[in-house]
PDB file of all heavy atoms in Angstrom:
ATOM      1  N   TYR A   1       0.895  -1.185  -0.072  1.00  0.00           N
ATOM      2  CA  TYR A   1      -0.057   0.063  -0.076  1.00  0.00           C
ATOM      3  C   TYR A   1       0.811   1.277   0.037  1.00  0.00           C
ATOM      4  O   TYR A   1       0.547   2.239  -0.637  1.00  0.00           O
ATOM      5  CB  TYR A   1      -0.894   0.037   1.213  1.00  0.00           C
ATOM      6  CG  TYR A   1      -1.758   1.239   1.334  1.00  0.00           C
ATOM      7  CD1 TYR A   1      -2.914   1.404   0.574  1.00  0.00           C
ATOM      8  CD2 TYR A   1      -1.419   2.336   2.309  1.00  0.00           C
ATOM      9  CE1 TYR A   1      -3.620   2.556   0.698  1.00  0.00           C
ATOM     10  CE2 TYR A   1      -2.163   3.498   2.280  1.00  0.00           C
ATOM     11  CZ  TYR A   1      -3.316   3.569   1.486  1.00  0.00           C
ATOM     12  OH  TYR A   1      -4.050   4.792   1.714  1.00  0.00           O
ATOM     13  N   THR A   2       1.907   1.313   0.911  1.00  0.00           N
ATOM     14  CA  THR A   2       2.840   2.398   0.919  1.00  0.00           C
ATOM     15  C   THR A   2       3.402   2.702  -0.420  1.00  0.00           C
ATOM     16  O   THR A   2       3.619   3.881  -0.773  1.00  0.00           O
ATOM     17  CB  THR A   2       3.933   2.071   1.937  1.00  0.00           C
ATOM     18  OG1 THR A   2       3.366   1.827   3.117  1.00  0.00           O
ATOM     19  CG2 THR A   2       4.907   3.360   2.059  1.00  0.00           C
ATOM     20  N   TYR A   3       3.723   1.737  -1.264  1.00  0.00           N
ATOM     21  CA  TYR A   3       4.367   1.864  -2.463  1.00  0.00           C
ATOM     22  C   TYR A   3       3.460   1.783  -3.675  1.00  0.00           C
ATOM     23  O   TYR A   3       3.938   1.640  -4.860  1.00  0.00           O
ATOM     24  CB  TYR A   3       5.529   0.954  -2.638  1.00  0.00           C
ATOM     25  CG  TYR A   3       6.695   1.109  -1.726  1.00  0.00           C
ATOM     26  CD1 TYR A   3       6.731   0.534  -0.377  1.00  0.00           C
ATOM     27  CD2 TYR A   3       7.792   1.942  -2.170  1.00  0.00           C
ATOM     28  CE1 TYR A   3       7.806   0.876   0.408  1.00  0.00           C
ATOM     29  CE2 TYR A   3       8.817   2.196  -1.336  1.00  0.00           C
ATOM     30  CZ  TYR A   3       8.833   1.613   0.005  1.00  0.00           C
ATOM     31  OH  TYR A   3       9.973   1.942   0.855  1.00  0.00           O
ATOM     32  N   GLN A   4       2.194   1.796  -3.540  1.00  0.00           N
ATOM     33  CA  GLN A   4       1.194   1.658  -4.509  1.00  0.00           C
ATOM     34  C   GLN A   4       1.413   2.580  -5.759  1.00  0.00           C
ATOM     35  O   GLN A   4       1.291   2.226  -6.861  1.00  0.00           O
ATOM     36  CB  GLN A   4      -0.238   1.640  -4.123  1.00  0.00           C
ATOM     37  CG  GLN A   4      -0.786   2.964  -3.527  1.00  0.00           C
ATOM     38  CD  GLN A   4      -2.172   2.857  -3.071  1.00  0.00           C
ATOM     39  OE1 GLN A   4      -2.777   1.772  -3.192  1.00  0.00           O
ATOM     40  NE2 GLN A   4      -2.701   3.899  -2.476  1.00  0.00           N
ATOM     41  N   ASP A   5       1.697   3.845  -5.468  1.00  0.00           N
ATOM     42  CA  ASP A   5       1.840   4.796  -6.561  1.00  0.00           C
ATOM     43  C   ASP A   5       3.148   4.439  -7.372  1.00  0.00           C
ATOM     44  O   ASP A   5       3.103   4.528  -8.643  1.00  0.00           O
ATOM     45  CB  ASP A   5       2.001   6.227  -5.977  1.00  0.00           C
ATOM     46  CG  ASP A   5       0.581   6.679  -5.421  1.00  0.00           C
ATOM     47  OD1 ASP A   5      -0.470   6.124  -5.845  1.00  0.00           O
ATOM     48  OD2 ASP A   5       0.711   7.628  -4.603  1.00  0.00           O
ATOM     49  N   ASP A   6       4.224   4.190  -6.627  1.00  0.00           N
ATOM     50  CA  ASP A   6       5.347   3.713  -7.366  1.00  0.00           C
ATOM     51  C   ASP A   6       5.189   2.486  -8.216  1.00  0.00           C
ATOM     52  O   ASP A   6       5.697   2.417  -9.397  1.00  0.00           O
ATOM     53  CB  ASP A   6       6.521   3.427  -6.388  1.00  0.00           C
ATOM     54  CG  ASP A   6       7.101   4.703  -5.729  1.00  0.00           C
ATOM     55  OD1 ASP A   6       6.732   5.772  -6.190  1.00  0.00           O
ATOM     56  OD2 ASP A   6       7.718   4.562  -4.733  1.00  0.00           O
ATOM     57  N   ILE A   7       4.485   1.503  -7.668  1.00  0.00           N
ATOM     58  CA  ILE A   7       4.254   0.284  -8.364  1.00  0.00           C
ATOM     59  C   ILE A   7       3.476   0.541  -9.625  1.00  0.00           C
ATOM     60  O   ILE A   7       3.709  -0.041 -10.707  1.00  0.00           O
ATOM     61  CB  ILE A   7       3.495  -0.725  -7.438  1.00  0.00           C
ATOM     62  CG1 ILE A   7       4.446  -1.209  -6.243  1.00  0.00           C
ATOM     63  CG2 ILE A   7       2.985  -1.917  -8.219  1.00  0.00           C
ATOM     64  CD1 ILE A   7       3.709  -1.907  -5.205  1.00  0.00           C
ATOM     65  N   ALA A   8       2.464   1.415  -9.607  1.00  0.00           N
ATOM     66  CA  ALA A   8       1.652   1.816 -10.860  1.00  0.00           C
ATOM     67  C   ALA A   8       2.601   2.455 -11.865  1.00  0.00           C
ATOM     68  O   ALA A   8       2.279   2.278 -12.987  1.00  0.00           O
ATOM     69  CB  ALA A   8       0.561   2.832 -10.389  1.00  0.00           C
ATOM     70  N   ASN A   9       3.599   3.097 -11.378  1.00  0.00           N
ATOM     71  CA  ASN A   9       4.473   3.745 -12.445  1.00  0.00           C
ATOM     72  C   ASN A   9       5.592   2.721 -12.898  1.00  0.00           C
ATOM     73  O   ASN A   9       6.331   3.132 -13.824  1.00  0.00           O
ATOM     74  CB  ASN A   9       5.258   4.953 -11.761  1.00  0.00           C
ATOM     75  CG  ASN A   9       4.303   6.144 -11.611  1.00  0.00           C
ATOM     76  OD1 ASN A   9       3.516   6.421 -12.473  1.00  0.00           O
ATOM     77  ND2 ASN A   9       4.494   6.819 -10.629  1.00  0.00           N
ATOM     78  N   GLY A  10       5.558   1.517 -12.347  1.00  0.00           N
ATOM     79  CA  GLY A  10       6.508   0.504 -12.856  1.00  0.00           C
ATOM     80  C   GLY A  10       7.855   0.361 -12.261  1.00  0.00           C
ATOM     81  O   GLY A  10       8.637  -0.382 -12.661  1.00  0.00           O
ATOM     82  N   PHE A  11       7.953   1.142 -11.193  1.00  0.00           N
ATOM     83  CA  PHE A  11       9.268   1.025 -10.416  1.00  0.00           C
ATOM     84  C   PHE A  11       9.226   1.451  -8.942  1.00  0.00           C
ATOM     85  O   PHE A  11       8.200   2.205  -8.604  1.00  0.00           O
ATOM     86  CB  PHE A  11      10.453   1.843 -11.000  1.00  0.00           C
ATOM     87  CG  PHE A  11      10.198   3.320 -11.059  1.00  0.00           C
ATOM     88  CD1 PHE A  11      10.507   4.229 -10.056  1.00  0.00           C
ATOM     89  CD2 PHE A  11       9.373   3.946 -12.203  1.00  0.00           C
ATOM     90  CE1 PHE A  11      10.247   5.435 -10.068  1.00  0.00           C
ATOM     91  CE2 PHE A  11       9.184   5.335 -12.149  1.00  0.00           C
ATOM     92  CZ  PHE A  11       9.614   6.100 -11.180  1.00  0.00           C
ATOM     93  N   VAL A  12      10.091   0.908  -8.154  1.00  0.00           N
ATOM     94  CA  VAL A  12      10.210   1.269  -6.764  1.00  0.00           C
ATOM     95  C   VAL A  12      11.452   1.792  -6.391  1.00  0.00           C
ATOM     96  O   VAL A  12      12.481   1.197  -6.708  1.00  0.00           O
ATOM     97  CB  VAL A  12       9.755   0.042  -5.773  1.00  0.00           C
ATOM     98  CG1 VAL A  12      10.010   0.348  -4.340  1.00  0.00           C
ATOM     99  CG2 VAL A  12       8.254  -0.371  -6.019  1.00  0.00           C
ATOM    100  N   THR A  13      11.560   2.993  -5.632  1.00  0.00           N
ATOM    101  CA  THR A  13      12.873   3.362  -5.147  1.00  0.00           C
ATOM    102  C   THR A  13      13.077   2.977  -3.851  1.00  0.00           C
ATOM    103  O   THR A  13      12.313   3.220  -2.942  1.00  0.00           O
ATOM    104  CB  THR A  13      12.897   4.893  -5.268  1.00  0.00           C
ATOM    105  OG1 THR A  13      12.685   5.319  -6.748  1.00  0.00           O
ATOM    106  CG2 THR A  13      14.280   5.478  -4.920  1.00  0.00           C
ATOM    107  N   MET A  14      14.227   2.313  -3.636  1.00  0.00           N
ATOM    108  CA  MET A  14      14.610   1.755  -2.249  1.00  0.00           C
ATOM    109  C   MET A  14      15.189   2.875  -1.396  1.00  0.00           C
ATOM    110  O   MET A  14      15.504   3.827  -1.906  1.00  0.00           O
ATOM    111  CB  MET A  14      15.569   0.562  -2.391  1.00  0.00           C
ATOM    112  CG  MET A  14      14.981  -0.654  -3.220  1.00  0.00           C
ATOM    113  SD  MET A  14      16.245  -1.854  -3.628  1.00  0.00           S
ATOM    114  CE  MET A  14      16.597  -2.523  -1.947  1.00  0.00           C
ATOM    115  N   GLN A  15      15.216   2.641  -0.151  1.00  0.00           N
ATOM    116  CA  GLN A  15      15.723   3.578   0.863  1.00  0.00           C
ATOM    117  C   GLN A  15      17.135   4.044   0.592  1.00  0.00           C
ATOM    118  O   GLN A  15      17.579   5.075   0.836  1.00  0.00           O
ATOM    119  CB  GLN A  15      15.653   2.961   2.346  1.00  0.00           C
ATOM    120  CG  GLN A  15      14.240   2.789   2.769  1.00  0.00           C
ATOM    121  CD  GLN A  15      13.660   4.111   3.353  1.00  0.00           C
ATOM    122  OE1 GLN A  15      14.321   5.171   3.279  1.00  0.00           O
ATOM    123  NE2 GLN A  15      12.419   4.105   3.855  1.00  0.00           N
ATOM    124  N   ASN A  16      17.944   3.181  -0.046  1.00  0.00           N
ATOM    125  CA  ASN A  16      19.334   3.514  -0.397  1.00  0.00           C
ATOM    126  C   ASN A  16      19.393   4.180  -1.702  1.00  0.00           C
ATOM    127  O   ASN A  16      20.641   4.486  -2.133  1.00  0.00           O
ATOM    128  CB  ASN A  16      20.173   2.162  -0.240  1.00  0.00           C
ATOM    129  CG  ASN A  16      19.594   1.027  -1.193  1.00  0.00           C
ATOM    130  OD1 ASN A  16      19.139   1.312  -2.292  1.00  0.00           O
ATOM    131  ND2 ASN A  16      19.641  -0.154  -0.533  1.00  0.00           N
ATOM    132  N   GLY A  17      18.329   4.401  -2.446  1.00  0.00           N
ATOM    133  CA  GLY A  17      18.499   5.030  -3.669  1.00  0.00           C
ATOM    134  C   GLY A  17      18.449   4.166  -4.911  1.00  0.00           C
ATOM    135  O   GLY A  17      18.326   4.539  -6.011  1.00  0.00           O
ATOM    136  N   ASN A  18      18.643   2.850  -4.663  1.00  0.00           N
ATOM    137  CA  ASN A  18      18.495   1.965  -5.874  1.00  0.00           C
ATOM    138  C   ASN A  18      17.105   1.808  -6.211  1.00  0.00           C
ATOM    139  O   ASN A  18      16.140   1.956  -5.601  1.00  0.00           O
ATOM    140  CB  ASN A  18      18.909   0.411  -5.353  1.00  0.00           C
ATOM    141  CG  ASN A  18      20.437   0.363  -5.111  1.00  0.00           C
ATOM    142  OD1 ASN A  18      21.202   1.264  -5.426  1.00  0.00           O
ATOM    143  ND2 ASN A  18      20.759  -0.514  -4.210  1.00  0.00           N
ATOM    144  N   ARG A  19      17.037   1.640  -7.523  1.00  0.00           N
ATOM    145  CA  ARG A  19      15.609   1.708  -8.253  1.00  0.00           C
ATOM    146  C   ARG A  19      15.360   0.229  -8.774  1.00  0.00           C
ATOM    147  O   ARG A  19      16.146  -0.318  -9.479  1.00  0.00           O
ATOM    148  CB  ARG A  19      15.661   2.806  -9.369  1.00  0.00           C
ATOM    149  CG  ARG A  19      14.386   2.702 -10.145  1.00  0.00           C
ATOM    150  CD  ARG A  19      14.507   3.905 -11.119  1.00  0.00           C
ATOM    151  NE  ARG A  19      13.682   3.675 -12.326  1.00  0.00           N
ATOM    152  CZ  ARG A  19      13.236   4.594 -13.154  1.00  0.00           C
ATOM    153  NH1 ARG A  19      13.422   5.866 -12.868  1.00  0.00           N
ATOM    154  NH2 ARG A  19      12.398   4.249 -14.122  1.00  0.00           N
ATOM    155  N   VAL A  20      14.067  -0.166  -8.572  1.00  0.00           N
ATOM    156  CA  VAL A  20      13.722  -1.419  -9.056  1.00  0.00           C
ATOM    157  C   VAL A  20      12.675  -1.445 -10.064  1.00  0.00           C
ATOM    158  O   VAL A  20      11.401  -0.943  -9.735  1.00  0.00           O
ATOM    159  CB  VAL A  20      13.217  -2.272  -7.719  1.00  0.00           C
ATOM    160  CG1 VAL A  20      12.925  -3.755  -8.241  1.00  0.00           C
ATOM    161  CG2 VAL A  20      14.332  -2.275  -6.673  1.00  0.00           C
ATOM    162  N   GLY A  21      12.896  -1.727 -11.249  1.00  0.00           N
ATOM    163  CA  GLY A  21      11.877  -1.977 -12.352  1.00  0.00           C
ATOM    164  C   GLY A  21      11.193  -3.183 -12.238  1.00  0.00           C
ATOM    165  O   GLY A  21      11.643  -4.221 -11.795  1.00  0.00           O
ATOM    166  N   ILE A  22       9.888  -3.067 -12.602  1.00  0.00           N
ATOM    167  CA  ILE A  22       8.843  -4.111 -12.299  1.00  0.00           C
ATOM    168  C   ILE A  22       8.298  -4.564 -13.773  1.00  0.00           C
ATOM    169  O   ILE A  22       7.961  -3.805 -14.501  1.00  0.00           O
ATOM    170  CB  ILE A  22       7.678  -3.728 -11.532  1.00  0.00           C
ATOM    171  CG1 ILE A  22       8.175  -3.141 -10.122  1.00  0.00           C
ATOM    172  CG2 ILE A  22       6.683  -4.814 -11.319  1.00  0.00           C
ATOM    173  CD1 ILE A  22       7.182  -2.402  -9.377  1.00  0.00           C
ATOM    174  N   ALA A  23       8.302  -5.919 -13.959  1.00  0.00           N
ATOM    175  CA  ALA A  23       7.547  -6.529 -15.117  1.00  0.00           C
ATOM    176  C   ALA A  23       6.448  -7.522 -14.564  1.00  0.00           C
ATOM    177  O   ALA A  23       6.729  -8.248 -13.682  1.00  0.00           O
ATOM    178  CB  ALA A  23       8.503  -7.256 -16.159  1.00  0.00           C
ATOM    179  N   GLY A  24       5.322  -7.458 -15.091  1.00  0.00           N
ATOM    180  CA  GLY A  24       4.313  -8.413 -14.921  1.00  0.00           C
ATOM    181  C   GLY A  24       2.970  -8.040 -15.555  1.00  0.00           C
ATOM    182  O   GLY A  24       3.050  -7.481 -16.689  1.00  0.00           O
ATOM    183  N   THR A  25       1.884  -8.337 -14.965  1.00  0.00           N
ATOM    184  CA  THR A  25       0.534  -8.002 -15.625  1.00  0.00           C
ATOM    185  C   THR A  25       0.046  -6.738 -15.080  1.00  0.00           C
ATOM    186  O   THR A  25      -0.183  -6.533 -13.948  1.00  0.00           O
ATOM    187  CB  THR A  25      -0.477  -9.168 -15.325  1.00  0.00           C
ATOM    188  OG1 THR A  25       0.056 -10.450 -15.760  1.00  0.00           O
ATOM    189  CG2 THR A  25      -1.832  -8.798 -16.066  1.00  0.00           C
ATOM    190  N   ALA A  26      -0.016  -5.771 -15.987  1.00  0.00           N
ATOM    191  CA  ALA A  26      -0.649  -4.486 -15.647  1.00  0.00           C
ATOM    192  C   ALA A  26      -2.189  -4.565 -15.258  1.00  0.00           C
ATOM    193  O   ALA A  26      -2.906  -5.251 -15.999  1.00  0.00           O
ATOM    194  CB  ALA A  26      -0.496  -3.472 -16.733  1.00  0.00           C
ATOM    195  N   VAL A  27      -2.553  -3.893 -14.125  1.00  0.00           N
ATOM    196  CA  VAL A  27      -3.913  -3.663 -13.798  1.00  0.00           C
ATOM    197  C   VAL A  27      -4.314  -2.329 -14.278  1.00  0.00           C
ATOM    198  O   VAL A  27      -3.881  -1.275 -13.890  1.00  0.00           O
ATOM    199  CB  VAL A  27      -4.070  -3.867 -12.282  1.00  0.00           C
ATOM    200  CG1 VAL A  27      -5.453  -3.586 -11.891  1.00  0.00           C
ATOM    201  CG2 VAL A  27      -3.451  -5.170 -11.726  1.00  0.00           C
ATOM    202  N   LEU A  28      -5.343  -2.389 -15.110  1.00  0.00           N
ATOM    203  CA  LEU A  28      -5.754  -1.139 -15.723  1.00  0.00           C
ATOM    204  C   LEU A  28      -7.158  -0.615 -15.146  1.00  0.00           C
ATOM    205  O   LEU A  28      -7.993  -1.338 -14.701  1.00  0.00           O
ATOM    206  CB  LEU A  28      -6.115  -1.292 -17.215  1.00  0.00           C
ATOM    207  CG  LEU A  28      -4.777  -1.824 -18.031  1.00  0.00           C
ATOM    208  CD1 LEU A  28      -5.177  -1.919 -19.487  1.00  0.00           C
ATOM    209  CD2 LEU A  28      -3.609  -0.844 -17.883  1.00  0.00           C
ATOM    210  N   GLU A  29      -7.220   0.711 -15.046  1.00  0.00           N
ATOM    211  CA  GLU A  29      -8.480   1.342 -14.774  1.00  0.00           C
ATOM    212  C   GLU A  29      -9.036   1.965 -15.992  1.00  0.00           C
ATOM    213  O   GLU A  29      -8.331   2.877 -16.697  1.00  0.00           O
ATOM    214  CB  GLU A  29      -8.196   2.407 -13.689  1.00  0.00           C
ATOM    215  CG  GLU A  29      -9.411   3.080 -13.116  1.00  0.00           C
ATOM    216  CD  GLU A  29      -9.109   4.083 -11.903  1.00  0.00           C
ATOM    217  OE1 GLU A  29      -8.561   5.207 -12.263  1.00  0.00           O
ATOM    218  OE2 GLU A  29      -9.344   3.639 -10.773  1.00  0.00           O
ATOM    219  N   ASN A  30     -10.340   1.857 -16.231  1.00  0.00           N
ATOM    220  CA  ASN A  30     -11.020   2.386 -17.370  1.00  0.00           C
ATOM    221  C   ASN A  30     -10.378   1.949 -18.604  1.00  0.00           C
ATOM    222  O   ASN A  30     -10.422   2.681 -19.782  1.00  0.00           O
ATOM    223  CB  ASN A  30     -11.098   3.925 -17.315  1.00  0.00           C
ATOM    224  CG  ASN A  30     -11.804   4.530 -16.106  1.00  0.00           C
ATOM    225  OD1 ASN A  30     -12.856   3.817 -15.666  1.00  0.00           O
ATOM    226  ND2 ASN A  30     -11.384   5.523 -15.484  1.00  0.00           N
ATOM    227  N   GLY A  31      -9.631   0.817 -18.606  1.00  0.00           N
ATOM    228  CA  GLY A  31      -9.159   0.318 -19.819  1.00  0.00           C
ATOM    229  C   GLY A  31      -7.787   0.870 -20.300  1.00  0.00           C
ATOM    230  O   GLY A  31      -7.295   0.435 -21.264  1.00  0.00           O
ATOM    231  N   SER A  32      -7.300   1.907 -19.513  1.00  0.00           N
ATOM    232  CA  SER A  32      -6.129   2.583 -20.020  1.00  0.00           C
ATOM    233  C   SER A  32      -5.116   2.894 -19.037  1.00  0.00           C
ATOM    234  O   SER A  32      -3.891   2.692 -19.179  1.00  0.00           O
ATOM    235  CB  SER A  32      -6.430   3.832 -20.836  1.00  0.00           C
ATOM    236  OG  SER A  32      -7.201   4.743 -20.064  1.00  0.00           O
ATOM    237  N   ARG A  33      -5.506   3.493 -17.976  1.00  0.00           N
ATOM    238  CA  ARG A  33      -4.542   3.884 -16.912  1.00  0.00           C
ATOM    239  C   ARG A  33      -4.125   2.806 -16.118  1.00  0.00           C
ATOM    240  O   ARG A  33      -4.865   2.162 -15.405  1.00  0.00           O
ATOM    241  CB  ARG A  33      -5.273   5.089 -16.045  1.00  0.00           C
ATOM    242  CG  ARG A  33      -4.323   5.702 -15.111  1.00  0.00           C
ATOM    243  CD  ARG A  33      -4.981   6.932 -14.328  1.00  0.00           C
ATOM    244  NE  ARG A  33      -5.820   6.503 -13.266  1.00  0.00           N
ATOM    245  CZ  ARG A  33      -5.431   6.297 -12.027  1.00  0.00           C
ATOM    246  NH1 ARG A  33      -4.178   6.524 -11.733  1.00  0.00           N
ATOM    247  NH2 ARG A  33      -6.361   5.822 -11.135  1.00  0.00           N
ATOM    248  N   ILE A  34      -2.812   2.695 -15.893  1.00  0.00           N
ATOM    249  CA  ILE A  34      -2.180   1.630 -15.051  1.00  0.00           C
ATOM    250  C   ILE A  34      -2.348   2.027 -13.566  1.00  0.00           C
ATOM    251  O   ILE A  34      -1.806   3.106 -13.228  1.00  0.00           O
ATOM    252  CB  ILE A  34      -0.777   1.377 -15.436  1.00  0.00           C
ATOM    253  CG1 ILE A  34      -0.606   0.861 -16.824  1.00  0.00           C
ATOM    254  CG2 ILE A  34      -0.189   0.299 -14.516  1.00  0.00           C
ATOM    255  CD1 ILE A  34       0.762   0.712 -17.374  1.00  0.00           C
ATOM    256  N   VAL A  35      -2.935   1.186 -12.774  1.00  0.00           N
ATOM    257  CA  VAL A  35      -3.031   1.430 -11.374  1.00  0.00           C
ATOM    258  C   VAL A  35      -2.145   0.475 -10.491  1.00  0.00           C
ATOM    259  O   VAL A  35      -1.930   0.824  -9.437  1.00  0.00           O
ATOM    260  CB  VAL A  35      -4.434   1.463 -10.857  1.00  0.00           C
ATOM    261  CG1 VAL A  35      -5.337   2.477 -11.605  1.00  0.00           C
ATOM    262  CG2 VAL A  35      -5.170   0.068 -11.199  1.00  0.00           C
ATOM    263  N   SER A  36      -1.827  -0.591 -11.147  1.00  0.00           N
ATOM    264  CA  SER A  36      -0.897  -1.416 -10.277  1.00  0.00           C
ATOM    265  C   SER A  36      -0.384  -2.577 -11.284  1.00  0.00           C
ATOM    266  O   SER A  36      -0.585  -2.591 -12.410  1.00  0.00           O
ATOM    267  CB  SER A  36      -1.647  -2.167  -9.098  1.00  0.00           C
ATOM    268  OG  SER A  36      -0.815  -2.955  -8.314  1.00  0.00           O
ATOM    269  N   PHE A  37       0.453  -3.494 -10.648  1.00  0.00           N
ATOM    270  CA  PHE A  37       0.907  -4.730 -11.413  1.00  0.00           C
ATOM    271  C   PHE A  37       0.656  -5.834 -10.445  1.00  0.00           C
ATOM    272  O   PHE A  37       0.706  -5.910  -9.289  1.00  0.00           O
ATOM    273  CB  PHE A  37       2.320  -4.584 -11.646  1.00  0.00           C
ATOM    274  CG  PHE A  37       2.774  -3.764 -12.876  1.00  0.00           C
ATOM    275  CD1 PHE A  37       2.938  -2.365 -12.740  1.00  0.00           C
ATOM    276  CD2 PHE A  37       2.963  -4.297 -14.094  1.00  0.00           C
ATOM    277  CE1 PHE A  37       3.263  -1.632 -13.827  1.00  0.00           C
ATOM    278  CE2 PHE A  37       3.207  -3.479 -15.215  1.00  0.00           C
ATOM    279  CZ  PHE A  37       3.404  -2.217 -15.051  1.00  0.00           C
ATOM    280  N   LYS A  38       0.279  -7.066 -11.101  1.00  0.00           N
ATOM    281  CA  LYS A  38       0.065  -8.352 -10.384  1.00  0.00           C
ATOM    282  C   LYS A  38       0.880  -9.261 -11.158  1.00  0.00           C
ATOM    283  O   LYS A  38       1.371  -9.133 -12.256  1.00  0.00           O
ATOM    284  CB  LYS A  38      -1.373  -8.712 -10.282  1.00  0.00           C
ATOM    285  CG  LYS A  38      -1.973  -8.923 -11.697  1.00  0.00           C
ATOM    286  CD  LYS A  38      -3.480  -9.253 -11.593  1.00  0.00           C
ATOM    287  CE  LYS A  38      -4.079  -9.477 -12.907  1.00  0.00           C
ATOM    288  NZ  LYS A  38      -5.664  -9.904 -12.747  1.00  0.00           N
TER     289      LYS A  38
END
């Protein structure tokens, strides 16, 4: 929940500054806007 906005953008920034890109199944809202990944 804390990182849900980052996850929706496809990456999470860790506390040390490292950035983690995410690949998976996009969860869409209204058929276009990505709101999360599963």
